[in-house]
C-alpha cells in the first residue's frame, strides 16, 4: 500500500462534508506537498472529526500556527 493510499484511507471520516473536503485536497494538492507538509497533514488527521471540520472550514485557528499555511491550502478548493 502506497503512502497516498494510506492517507486516502485515513481521510475517510464519519462526516460526509469532511470526506469531500479531504478528498478534494488529496486530488488537487497532495502530490505537491513536501515531506514536512505531508507529515503535518497526517498530524491533522489525528484530530476528531468535529475539530478537524472546524479547522478545515476556518471556524477556529490551529493551536500551533505552523499548520495555518496547510489549512489555508485545504480551504482553497
N, C-alpha and C. Protein backbone atom coordinates (compact mmCIF):
# COMPACT_ATOMS: atom_id res chain seq x y z
N UNK A 1 0.85 -1.18 0.00
CA UNK A 1 0.00 0.00 0.00
C UNK A 1 0.89 1.24 0.00
N UNK A 2 0.65 2.15 -0.90
CA UNK A 2 1.46 3.37 -1.00
C UNK A 2 1.09 4.36 0.10
N UNK A 3 1.96 5.36 0.27
CA UNK A 3 1.67 6.41 1.26
C UNK A 3 0.37 7.12 0.92
N UNK A 4 0.16 7.39 -0.36
CA UNK A 4 -1.08 8.06 -0.76
C UNK A 4 -2.29 7.20 -0.43
N UNK A 5 -2.20 5.91 -0.66
CA UNK A 5 -3.32 5.01 -0.32
C UNK A 5 -3.61 5.02 1.17
N UNK A 6 -2.55 5.04 1.98
CA UNK A 6 -2.74 5.08 3.44
C UNK A 6 -3.42 6.38 3.86
N UNK A 7 -2.94 7.48 3.31
CA UNK A 7 -3.52 8.79 3.64
C UNK A 7 -4.97 8.85 3.15
N UNK A 8 -5.21 8.37 1.95
CA UNK A 8 -6.57 8.38 1.41
C UNK A 8 -7.52 7.59 2.34
N UNK A 9 -7.05 6.46 2.85
CA UNK A 9 -7.87 5.66 3.76
C UNK A 9 -8.14 6.44 5.05
N UNK A 10 -7.13 7.13 5.55
CA UNK A 10 -7.30 7.91 6.78
C UNK A 10 -8.21 9.12 6.57
N UNK A 11 -8.36 9.56 5.34
CA UNK A 11 -9.25 10.70 5.04
C UNK A 11 -10.72 10.29 5.00
N UNK A 12 -10.99 9.02 5.03
CA UNK A 12 -12.38 8.55 5.10
C UNK A 12 -12.84 8.72 6.53
N UNK A 13 -13.75 9.66 6.74
CA UNK A 13 -14.16 10.01 8.08
C UNK A 13 -15.63 9.68 8.29
N UNK A 14 -16.15 10.09 9.42
CA UNK A 14 -17.55 9.84 9.74
C UNK A 14 -18.49 10.93 9.26
N UNK A 15 -17.94 11.98 8.68
CA UNK A 15 -18.76 13.11 8.21
C UNK A 15 -18.57 13.27 6.71
N UNK A 16 -19.66 13.26 5.98
CA UNK A 16 -19.58 13.39 4.53
C UNK A 16 -18.89 14.69 4.12
N UNK A 17 -19.23 15.78 4.79
CA UNK A 17 -18.63 17.07 4.45
C UNK A 17 -17.11 17.01 4.55
N UNK A 18 -16.63 16.41 5.62
CA UNK A 18 -15.19 16.31 5.83
C UNK A 18 -14.57 15.37 4.81
N UNK A 19 -15.23 14.27 4.49
CA UNK A 19 -14.75 13.37 3.45
C UNK A 19 -14.55 14.10 2.13
N UNK A 20 -15.50 14.92 1.77
CA UNK A 20 -15.42 15.65 0.49
C UNK A 20 -14.29 16.66 0.50
N UNK A 21 -14.13 17.38 1.58
CA UNK A 21 -13.06 18.37 1.68
C UNK A 21 -11.70 17.69 1.57
N UNK A 22 -11.52 16.63 2.32
CA UNK A 22 -10.22 15.95 2.33
C UNK A 22 -9.93 15.26 1.00
N UNK A 23 -10.93 14.66 0.39
CA UNK A 23 -10.72 14.00 -0.90
C UNK A 23 -10.31 15.02 -1.97
N UNK A 24 -10.98 16.16 -2.00
CA UNK A 24 -10.61 17.20 -2.98
C UNK A 24 -9.19 17.69 -2.73
N UNK A 25 -8.84 17.85 -1.47
CA UNK A 25 -7.48 18.28 -1.14
C UNK A 25 -6.46 17.28 -1.66
N UNK A 26 -6.72 16.00 -1.43
CA UNK A 26 -5.79 14.97 -1.92
C UNK A 26 -5.65 15.04 -3.44
N UNK A 27 -6.75 15.16 -4.13
CA UNK A 27 -6.72 15.18 -5.59
C UNK A 27 -5.98 16.40 -6.13
N UNK A 28 -6.15 17.53 -5.49
CA UNK A 28 -5.61 18.79 -6.03
C UNK A 28 -4.23 19.16 -5.52
N UNK A 29 -3.87 18.75 -4.31
CA UNK A 29 -2.67 19.30 -3.70
C UNK A 29 -1.67 18.29 -3.15
N UNK A 30 -2.11 17.10 -2.79
CA UNK A 30 -1.24 16.20 -2.04
C UNK A 30 0.07 15.89 -2.76
N UNK A 31 0.03 15.69 -4.06
CA UNK A 31 1.24 15.33 -4.79
C UNK A 31 2.29 16.44 -4.81
N UNK A 32 1.88 17.67 -4.50
CA UNK A 32 2.82 18.80 -4.48
C UNK A 32 3.35 19.13 -3.09
N UNK A 33 2.88 18.41 -2.07
CA UNK A 33 3.35 18.66 -0.71
C UNK A 33 4.73 18.06 -0.51
N UNK A 34 5.57 18.77 0.24
CA UNK A 34 6.87 18.20 0.59
C UNK A 34 6.69 17.26 1.79
N UNK A 35 7.75 16.62 2.20
CA UNK A 35 7.68 15.62 3.27
C UNK A 35 7.16 16.22 4.58
N UNK A 36 7.58 17.41 4.92
CA UNK A 36 7.13 18.05 6.16
C UNK A 36 5.64 18.39 6.09
N UNK A 37 5.19 18.89 4.96
CA UNK A 37 3.76 19.20 4.80
C UNK A 37 2.92 17.92 4.86
N UNK A 38 3.42 16.85 4.30
CA UNK A 38 2.69 15.57 4.38
C UNK A 38 2.61 15.08 5.82
N UNK A 39 3.70 15.24 6.57
CA UNK A 39 3.69 14.86 7.98
C UNK A 39 2.68 15.71 8.75
N UNK A 40 2.64 17.00 8.45
CA UNK A 40 1.70 17.89 9.13
C UNK A 40 0.26 17.52 8.78
N UNK A 41 0.01 17.18 7.53
CA UNK A 41 -1.33 16.76 7.13
C UNK A 41 -1.72 15.49 7.87
N UNK A 42 -0.79 14.56 7.98
CA UNK A 42 -1.05 13.34 8.73
C UNK A 42 -1.36 13.66 10.20
N UNK A 43 -0.65 14.61 10.76
CA UNK A 43 -0.93 15.05 12.14
C UNK A 43 -2.33 15.61 12.26
N UNK A 44 -2.74 16.41 11.28
CA UNK A 44 -4.09 16.99 11.32
C UNK A 44 -5.15 15.89 11.31
N UNK A 45 -4.88 14.81 10.62
CA UNK A 45 -5.85 13.72 10.54
C UNK A 45 -6.04 13.00 11.87
N UNK A 46 -5.19 13.29 12.85
CA UNK A 46 -5.34 12.72 14.19
C UNK A 46 -6.46 13.41 14.97
N UNK A 47 -6.90 14.57 14.49
CA UNK A 47 -7.94 15.32 15.18
C UNK A 47 -9.29 14.60 15.06
N UNK A 48 -10.14 14.71 16.08
CA UNK A 48 -11.50 14.18 15.96
C UNK A 48 -12.26 14.92 14.84
N UNK A 49 -13.20 14.23 14.24
CA UNK A 49 -13.93 14.79 13.09
C UNK A 49 -14.48 16.20 13.32
N UNK A 50 -15.20 16.46 14.40
CA UNK A 50 -15.76 17.82 14.57
C UNK A 50 -14.69 18.90 14.63
N UNK A 51 -13.57 18.61 15.30
CA UNK A 51 -12.49 19.59 15.40
C UNK A 51 -11.79 19.78 14.06
N UNK A 52 -11.58 18.69 13.34
CA UNK A 52 -10.94 18.78 12.03
C UNK A 52 -11.82 19.56 11.05
N UNK A 53 -13.12 19.33 11.09
CA UNK A 53 -14.02 20.07 10.22
C UNK A 53 -13.99 21.56 10.55
N UNK A 54 -13.98 21.88 11.82
CA UNK A 54 -13.93 23.29 12.23
C UNK A 54 -12.63 23.95 11.76
N UNK A 55 -11.53 23.23 11.88
CA UNK A 55 -10.25 23.75 11.37
C UNK A 55 -10.30 23.92 9.86
N UNK A 56 -10.84 22.93 9.16
CA UNK A 56 -10.89 22.96 7.70
C UNK A 56 -11.77 24.09 7.18
N UNK A 57 -12.80 24.41 7.92
CA UNK A 57 -13.72 25.47 7.49
C UNK A 57 -13.31 26.85 7.99
N UNK A 58 -12.28 26.90 8.82
CA UNK A 58 -11.82 28.18 9.33
C UNK A 58 -12.58 28.67 10.54
N UNK A 59 -13.31 27.77 11.18
CA UNK A 59 -14.07 28.15 12.36
C UNK A 59 -13.22 28.40 13.59
N UNK A 60 -12.02 27.87 13.56
CA UNK A 60 -11.07 28.15 14.64
C UNK A 60 -9.66 28.04 14.10
N UNK A 61 -8.75 28.69 14.79
CA UNK A 61 -7.34 28.66 14.40
C UNK A 61 -6.68 27.44 15.04
N UNK A 62 -5.67 26.90 14.40
CA UNK A 62 -4.97 25.77 14.99
C UNK A 62 -4.19 26.21 16.22
N UNK A 63 -4.02 25.29 17.16
CA UNK A 63 -3.26 25.59 18.38
C UNK A 63 -1.81 25.94 18.02
N UNK A 64 -1.27 25.26 17.03
CA UNK A 64 0.09 25.53 16.56
C UNK A 64 0.00 26.24 15.21
N UNK A 65 0.43 27.47 15.17
CA UNK A 65 0.29 28.30 13.96
C UNK A 65 1.05 27.75 12.74
N UNK A 66 1.96 26.82 12.95
CA UNK A 66 2.70 26.28 11.80
C UNK A 66 1.77 25.52 10.85
N UNK A 67 0.58 25.12 11.33
CA UNK A 67 -0.38 24.41 10.49
C UNK A 67 -1.22 25.35 9.62
N UNK A 68 -1.15 26.65 9.89
CA UNK A 68 -2.02 27.58 9.18
C UNK A 68 -1.84 27.56 7.67
N UNK A 69 -0.61 27.57 7.13
CA UNK A 69 -0.48 27.52 5.66
C UNK A 69 -1.13 26.27 5.04
N UNK A 70 -0.99 25.15 5.71
CA UNK A 70 -1.60 23.92 5.21
C UNK A 70 -3.12 24.01 5.25
N UNK A 71 -3.66 24.57 6.33
CA UNK A 71 -5.11 24.74 6.42
C UNK A 71 -5.61 25.73 5.38
N UNK A 72 -4.83 26.77 5.12
CA UNK A 72 -5.21 27.71 4.05
C UNK A 72 -5.28 27.00 2.71
N UNK A 73 -4.33 26.14 2.45
CA UNK A 73 -4.35 25.36 1.21
C UNK A 73 -5.54 24.41 1.18
N UNK A 74 -5.88 23.84 2.31
CA UNK A 74 -7.03 22.95 2.41
C UNK A 74 -8.33 23.68 2.05
N UNK A 75 -8.38 24.96 2.38
CA UNK A 75 -9.58 25.76 2.13
C UNK A 75 -9.67 26.29 0.70
N UNK A 76 -8.61 26.19 -0.08
CA UNK A 76 -8.62 26.71 -1.45
C UNK A 76 -9.14 25.68 -2.42
N UNK A 77 -10.35 25.26 -2.21
CA UNK A 77 -10.90 24.20 -3.03
C UNK A 77 -11.88 24.74 -4.00
